[in-house]
């Protein structure tokens, strides 16, 4: 099994290999309206990139020409989140071991 330091360095290496990333989600929206004849007209889809930053929701329209790039960036964002979770796990474990050494607490 890899040591904690090796796991930490591997996570940093994975993180550095990621070029672009986005957090949040991509939603598809349609606008509907009734015309003068009473027919419902549906326009769209419109693509919206939504994310929370410092407790505030941010939304941006995404042109269809950018959809592939945004989807790829969102996938990379999920990878970044997984790497951060791994880093938290490793670093908390390292901290616990350091404290246990001085306080005679067992893992």
N, C-alpha and C. Protein backbone atom coordinates (compact mmCIF):
# COMPACT_ATOMS: atom_id res chain seq x y z
N UNK A 1 0.84 -1.19 0.00
CA UNK A 1 0.00 0.00 0.00
C UNK A 1 0.88 1.25 0.00
N UNK A 2 0.43 2.27 -0.71
CA UNK A 2 1.18 3.51 -0.77
C UNK A 2 1.20 4.20 0.58
N UNK A 3 2.29 4.87 0.86
CA UNK A 3 2.33 5.66 2.09
C UNK A 3 1.44 6.87 1.91
N UNK A 4 1.12 7.51 3.01
CA UNK A 4 0.28 8.70 2.95
C UNK A 4 0.94 9.79 2.12
N UNK A 5 2.25 9.95 2.28
CA UNK A 5 2.94 10.98 1.51
C UNK A 5 2.89 10.68 0.01
N UNK A 6 3.02 9.42 -0.37
CA UNK A 6 2.93 9.05 -1.77
C UNK A 6 1.53 9.32 -2.32
N UNK A 7 0.51 9.02 -1.53
CA UNK A 7 -0.87 9.30 -1.93
C UNK A 7 -1.10 10.80 -2.09
N UNK A 8 -0.53 11.58 -1.19
CA UNK A 8 -0.68 13.03 -1.25
C UNK A 8 -0.01 13.56 -2.51
N UNK A 9 1.21 13.12 -2.80
CA UNK A 9 1.92 13.57 -3.98
C UNK A 9 1.21 13.13 -5.26
N UNK A 10 0.64 11.94 -5.25
CA UNK A 10 -0.11 11.46 -6.42
C UNK A 10 -1.33 12.34 -6.67
N UNK A 11 -2.01 12.73 -5.61
CA UNK A 11 -3.17 13.61 -5.75
C UNK A 11 -2.76 14.97 -6.30
N UNK A 12 -1.66 15.52 -5.80
CA UNK A 12 -1.17 16.80 -6.32
C UNK A 12 -0.81 16.68 -7.80
N UNK A 13 -0.20 15.58 -8.19
CA UNK A 13 0.16 15.37 -9.59
C UNK A 13 -1.08 15.31 -10.48
N UNK A 14 -2.11 14.61 -10.02
CA UNK A 14 -3.37 14.54 -10.77
C UNK A 14 -3.98 15.92 -10.92
N UNK A 15 -3.94 16.68 -9.84
CA UNK A 15 -4.51 18.02 -9.85
C UNK A 15 -3.78 18.91 -10.85
N UNK A 16 -2.46 18.82 -10.86
CA UNK A 16 -1.67 19.66 -11.76
C UNK A 16 -1.87 19.28 -13.23
N UNK A 17 -2.29 18.05 -13.48
CA UNK A 17 -2.50 17.60 -14.86
C UNK A 17 -3.81 18.11 -15.45
N UNK A 18 -4.69 18.61 -14.61
CA UNK A 18 -5.99 19.10 -15.08
C UNK A 18 -5.82 20.54 -15.55
N UNK A 19 -6.18 20.78 -16.79
CA UNK A 19 -6.01 22.12 -17.34
C UNK A 19 -7.14 23.06 -16.96
N UNK A 20 -8.33 22.79 -17.45
CA UNK A 20 -9.47 23.64 -17.16
C UNK A 20 -10.55 22.82 -16.46
N UNK A 21 -11.33 23.50 -15.64
CA UNK A 21 -12.38 22.81 -14.90
C UNK A 21 -13.45 23.82 -14.52
N UNK A 22 -14.66 23.35 -14.36
CA UNK A 22 -15.77 24.15 -13.87
C UNK A 22 -16.51 23.36 -12.81
N UNK A 23 -17.05 24.08 -11.86
CA UNK A 23 -17.93 23.44 -10.88
C UNK A 23 -19.36 23.79 -11.27
N UNK A 24 -20.28 23.02 -10.77
CA UNK A 24 -21.68 23.31 -11.03
C UNK A 24 -22.32 22.28 -11.94
N UNK A 25 -23.34 22.76 -12.65
CA UNK A 25 -24.08 21.86 -13.53
C UNK A 25 -24.57 22.61 -14.75
N UNK A 26 -24.91 21.86 -15.76
CA UNK A 26 -25.44 22.41 -17.00
C UNK A 26 -26.89 21.96 -17.11
N UNK A 27 -27.78 22.91 -17.27
CA UNK A 27 -29.19 22.57 -17.40
C UNK A 27 -29.71 23.02 -18.76
N UNK A 28 -30.74 22.34 -19.19
CA UNK A 28 -31.37 22.64 -20.46
C UNK A 28 -32.73 23.27 -20.16
N UNK A 29 -32.99 24.42 -20.76
CA UNK A 29 -34.26 25.11 -20.51
C UNK A 29 -34.96 25.41 -21.82
N UNK A 30 -36.28 25.49 -21.74
CA UNK A 30 -37.11 25.85 -22.87
C UNK A 30 -38.03 26.99 -22.44
N UNK A 31 -38.34 27.85 -23.38
CA UNK A 31 -39.33 28.90 -23.14
C UNK A 31 -40.58 28.55 -23.92
N UNK A 32 -41.72 28.66 -23.27
CA UNK A 32 -42.99 28.41 -23.94
C UNK A 32 -43.84 29.66 -23.87
N UNK A 33 -44.53 29.92 -24.96
CA UNK A 33 -45.47 31.04 -24.97
C UNK A 33 -46.62 30.66 -25.89
N UNK A 34 -47.72 31.29 -25.66
CA UNK A 34 -48.89 31.05 -26.48
C UNK A 34 -49.00 32.16 -27.51
N UNK A 35 -49.14 31.76 -28.77
CA UNK A 35 -49.25 32.78 -29.81
C UNK A 35 -50.69 33.29 -29.91
N UNK A 36 -50.95 34.17 -30.84
CA UNK A 36 -52.27 34.79 -30.97
C UNK A 36 -53.36 33.79 -31.32
N UNK A 37 -52.98 32.69 -31.93
CA UNK A 37 -53.95 31.66 -32.32
C UNK A 37 -54.20 30.65 -31.20
N UNK A 38 -53.53 30.81 -30.09
CA UNK A 38 -53.71 29.90 -28.96
C UNK A 38 -52.78 28.70 -28.96
N UNK A 39 -51.89 28.62 -29.93
CA UNK A 39 -50.94 27.52 -30.00
C UNK A 39 -49.76 27.81 -29.08
N UNK A 40 -49.31 26.77 -28.40
CA UNK A 40 -48.14 26.91 -27.53
C UNK A 40 -46.89 26.73 -28.39
N UNK A 41 -46.03 27.71 -28.33
CA UNK A 41 -44.77 27.67 -29.06
C UNK A 41 -43.64 27.44 -28.07
N UNK A 42 -42.83 26.49 -28.40
CA UNK A 42 -41.71 26.15 -27.52
C UNK A 42 -40.41 26.56 -28.20
N UNK A 43 -39.62 27.36 -27.52
CA UNK A 43 -38.33 27.79 -28.04
C UNK A 43 -37.22 27.19 -27.19
N UNK A 44 -36.13 26.86 -27.84
CA UNK A 44 -35.00 26.31 -27.12
C UNK A 44 -34.50 25.06 -27.80
N UNK A 45 -33.67 24.33 -27.18
CA UNK A 45 -33.26 24.51 -25.78
C UNK A 45 -32.22 25.63 -25.62
N UNK A 46 -32.21 26.18 -24.41
CA UNK A 46 -31.18 27.10 -23.98
C UNK A 46 -30.40 26.40 -22.88
N UNK A 47 -29.10 26.56 -22.89
CA UNK A 47 -28.25 25.87 -21.93
C UNK A 47 -27.73 26.86 -20.90
N UNK A 48 -27.87 26.47 -19.63
CA UNK A 48 -27.49 27.34 -18.52
C UNK A 48 -26.47 26.62 -17.65
N UNK A 49 -25.35 27.27 -17.41
CA UNK A 49 -24.33 26.78 -16.48
C UNK A 49 -24.62 27.44 -15.14
N UNK A 50 -24.86 26.60 -14.12
CA UNK A 50 -25.20 27.10 -12.79
C UNK A 50 -24.21 26.57 -11.78
N UNK A 51 -23.84 27.45 -10.83
CA UNK A 51 -22.93 27.05 -9.77
C UNK A 51 -23.13 27.97 -8.58
N UNK A 52 -22.70 27.47 -7.42
CA UNK A 52 -22.72 28.25 -6.18
C UNK A 52 -21.30 28.68 -5.86
N UNK A 53 -21.13 29.98 -5.61
CA UNK A 53 -19.84 30.54 -5.25
C UNK A 53 -20.04 31.42 -4.02
N UNK A 54 -19.37 31.06 -2.93
CA UNK A 54 -19.46 31.80 -1.68
C UNK A 54 -20.90 32.05 -1.26
N UNK A 55 -21.72 31.03 -1.37
CA UNK A 55 -23.10 31.11 -0.92
C UNK A 55 -24.05 31.79 -1.89
N UNK A 56 -23.58 32.18 -3.05
CA UNK A 56 -24.46 32.82 -4.03
C UNK A 56 -24.52 31.98 -5.30
N UNK A 57 -25.72 31.91 -5.85
CA UNK A 57 -25.92 31.17 -7.08
C UNK A 57 -25.59 32.07 -8.27
N UNK A 58 -24.81 31.52 -9.20
CA UNK A 58 -24.45 32.22 -10.43
C UNK A 58 -24.92 31.38 -11.60
N UNK A 59 -25.49 32.04 -12.58
CA UNK A 59 -25.96 31.36 -13.78
C UNK A 59 -25.49 32.10 -15.01
N UNK A 60 -25.12 31.35 -16.04
CA UNK A 60 -24.67 31.93 -17.30
C UNK A 60 -25.22 31.10 -18.45
N UNK A 61 -25.67 31.77 -19.49
CA UNK A 61 -26.08 31.05 -20.69
C UNK A 61 -24.85 30.55 -21.42
N UNK A 62 -24.99 29.39 -22.01
CA UNK A 62 -23.89 28.77 -22.76
C UNK A 62 -24.33 28.62 -24.22
N UNK A 63 -23.59 29.19 -25.15
CA UNK A 63 -23.92 29.00 -26.57
C UNK A 63 -23.75 27.53 -26.96
N UNK A 64 -24.56 27.08 -27.88
CA UNK A 64 -24.46 25.68 -28.33
C UNK A 64 -23.06 25.35 -28.82
N UNK A 65 -22.39 26.32 -29.39
CA UNK A 65 -21.03 26.07 -29.91
C UNK A 65 -20.04 25.75 -28.79
N UNK A 66 -20.37 26.12 -27.55
CA UNK A 66 -19.47 25.87 -26.42
C UNK A 66 -19.87 24.67 -25.57
N UNK A 67 -20.95 23.99 -25.94
CA UNK A 67 -21.46 22.89 -25.10
C UNK A 67 -20.44 21.80 -24.83
N UNK A 68 -19.75 21.35 -25.83
CA UNK A 68 -18.79 20.25 -25.64
C UNK A 68 -17.71 20.65 -24.66
N UNK A 69 -17.18 21.86 -24.79
CA UNK A 69 -16.12 22.34 -23.90
C UNK A 69 -16.64 22.48 -22.48
N UNK A 70 -17.84 23.01 -22.31
CA UNK A 70 -18.41 23.18 -20.97
C UNK A 70 -18.65 21.82 -20.32
N UNK A 71 -19.18 20.89 -21.07
CA UNK A 71 -19.40 19.54 -20.52
C UNK A 71 -18.08 18.90 -20.10
N UNK A 72 -17.06 19.05 -20.91
CA UNK A 72 -15.74 18.50 -20.56
C UNK A 72 -15.19 19.19 -19.32
N UNK A 73 -15.34 20.51 -19.23
CA UNK A 73 -14.86 21.24 -18.05
C UNK A 73 -15.60 20.82 -16.79
N UNK A 74 -16.91 20.57 -16.91
CA UNK A 74 -17.68 20.11 -15.75
C UNK A 74 -17.22 18.72 -15.30
N UNK A 75 -16.90 17.85 -16.28
CA UNK A 75 -16.37 16.52 -15.94
C UNK A 75 -15.04 16.67 -15.21
N UNK A 76 -14.19 17.57 -15.69
CA UNK A 76 -12.91 17.83 -15.02
C UNK A 76 -13.16 18.41 -13.62
N UNK A 77 -14.18 19.22 -13.48
CA UNK A 77 -14.52 19.77 -12.17
C UNK A 77 -14.88 18.68 -11.17
N UNK A 78 -15.59 17.66 -11.65
CA UNK A 78 -15.92 16.52 -10.76
C UNK A 78 -14.65 15.77 -10.38
N UNK A 79 -13.72 15.68 -11.32
CA UNK A 79 -12.43 15.03 -11.01
C UNK A 79 -11.66 15.85 -9.97
N UNK A 80 -11.69 17.17 -10.10
CA UNK A 80 -11.03 18.03 -9.11
C UNK A 80 -11.63 17.81 -7.73
N UNK A 81 -12.95 17.73 -7.66
CA UNK A 81 -13.62 17.51 -6.37
C UNK A 81 -13.19 16.17 -5.75
N UNK A 82 -13.08 15.13 -6.57
CA UNK A 82 -12.63 13.83 -6.07
C UNK A 82 -11.19 13.90 -5.55
N UNK A 83 -10.35 14.64 -6.26
CA UNK A 83 -8.96 14.80 -5.82
C UNK A 83 -8.92 15.55 -4.49
N UNK A 84 -9.72 16.61 -4.36
CA UNK A 84 -9.77 17.34 -3.09
C UNK A 84 -10.22 16.44 -1.94
N UNK A 85 -11.19 15.58 -2.20
CA UNK A 85 -11.64 14.64 -1.17
C UNK A 85 -10.52 13.70 -0.75
N UNK A 86 -9.76 13.21 -1.74
CA UNK A 86 -8.62 12.34 -1.44
C UNK A 86 -7.59 13.11 -0.61
N UNK A 87 -7.31 14.35 -1.01
CA UNK A 87 -6.35 15.16 -0.25
C UNK A 87 -6.81 15.37 1.18
N UNK A 88 -8.08 15.69 1.38
CA UNK A 88 -8.60 15.86 2.74
C UNK A 88 -8.43 14.58 3.55
N UNK A 89 -8.78 13.45 2.96
CA UNK A 89 -8.65 12.17 3.67
C UNK A 89 -7.21 11.89 4.07
N UNK A 90 -6.30 12.07 3.13
CA UNK A 90 -4.89 11.80 3.40
C UNK A 90 -4.34 12.76 4.44
N UNK A 91 -4.62 14.04 4.27
CA UNK A 91 -4.05 15.05 5.18
C UNK A 91 -4.64 14.94 6.59
N UNK A 92 -5.92 14.62 6.69
CA UNK A 92 -6.50 14.42 8.02
C UNK A 92 -5.90 13.19 8.69
N UNK A 93 -5.66 12.15 7.89
CA UNK A 93 -5.03 10.95 8.45
C UNK A 93 -3.61 11.26 8.91
N UNK A 94 -2.89 12.04 8.11
CA UNK A 94 -1.52 12.43 8.50
C UNK A 94 -1.55 13.25 9.79
N UNK A 95 -2.51 14.14 9.90
CA UNK A 95 -2.64 14.96 11.11
C UNK A 95 -2.96 14.09 12.32
N UNK A 96 -3.86 13.14 12.13
CA UNK A 96 -4.23 12.24 13.21
C UNK A 96 -3.01 11.44 13.69
N UNK A 97 -2.21 10.98 12.73
CA UNK A 97 -1.00 10.23 13.11
C UNK A 97 -0.01 11.10 13.88
N UNK A 98 0.14 12.36 13.45
CA UNK A 98 1.05 13.27 14.13
C UNK A 98 0.57 13.54 15.56
N UNK A 99 -0.72 13.76 15.71
CA UNK A 99 -1.28 14.00 17.05
C UNK A 99 -1.15 12.75 17.90
N UNK A 100 -1.42 11.60 17.31
CA UNK A 100 -1.37 10.34 18.06
C UNK A 100 0.05 10.09 18.56
N UNK A 101 1.05 10.47 17.79
CA UNK A 101 2.43 10.27 18.20
C UNK A 101 2.74 11.04 19.49
N UNK A 102 2.22 12.26 19.58
CA UNK A 102 2.52 13.10 20.74
C UNK A 102 1.54 12.89 21.89
N UNK A 103 0.36 12.46 21.59
CA UNK A 103 -0.66 12.30 22.63
C UNK A 103 -0.89 10.83 23.01
N UNK A 104 -0.14 9.94 22.41
CA UNK A 104 -0.27 8.51 22.66
C UNK A 104 -1.67 8.00 22.37
N UNK A 105 -2.24 8.49 21.26
CA UNK A 105 -3.54 8.02 20.78
C UNK A 105 -3.27 7.07 19.63
N UNK A 106 -4.01 6.00 19.58
CA UNK A 106 -3.82 5.03 18.51
C UNK A 106 -4.72 5.37 17.32
N UNK A 107 -4.23 4.99 16.11
CA UNK A 107 -5.04 5.17 14.88
C UNK A 107 -6.29 4.32 14.98
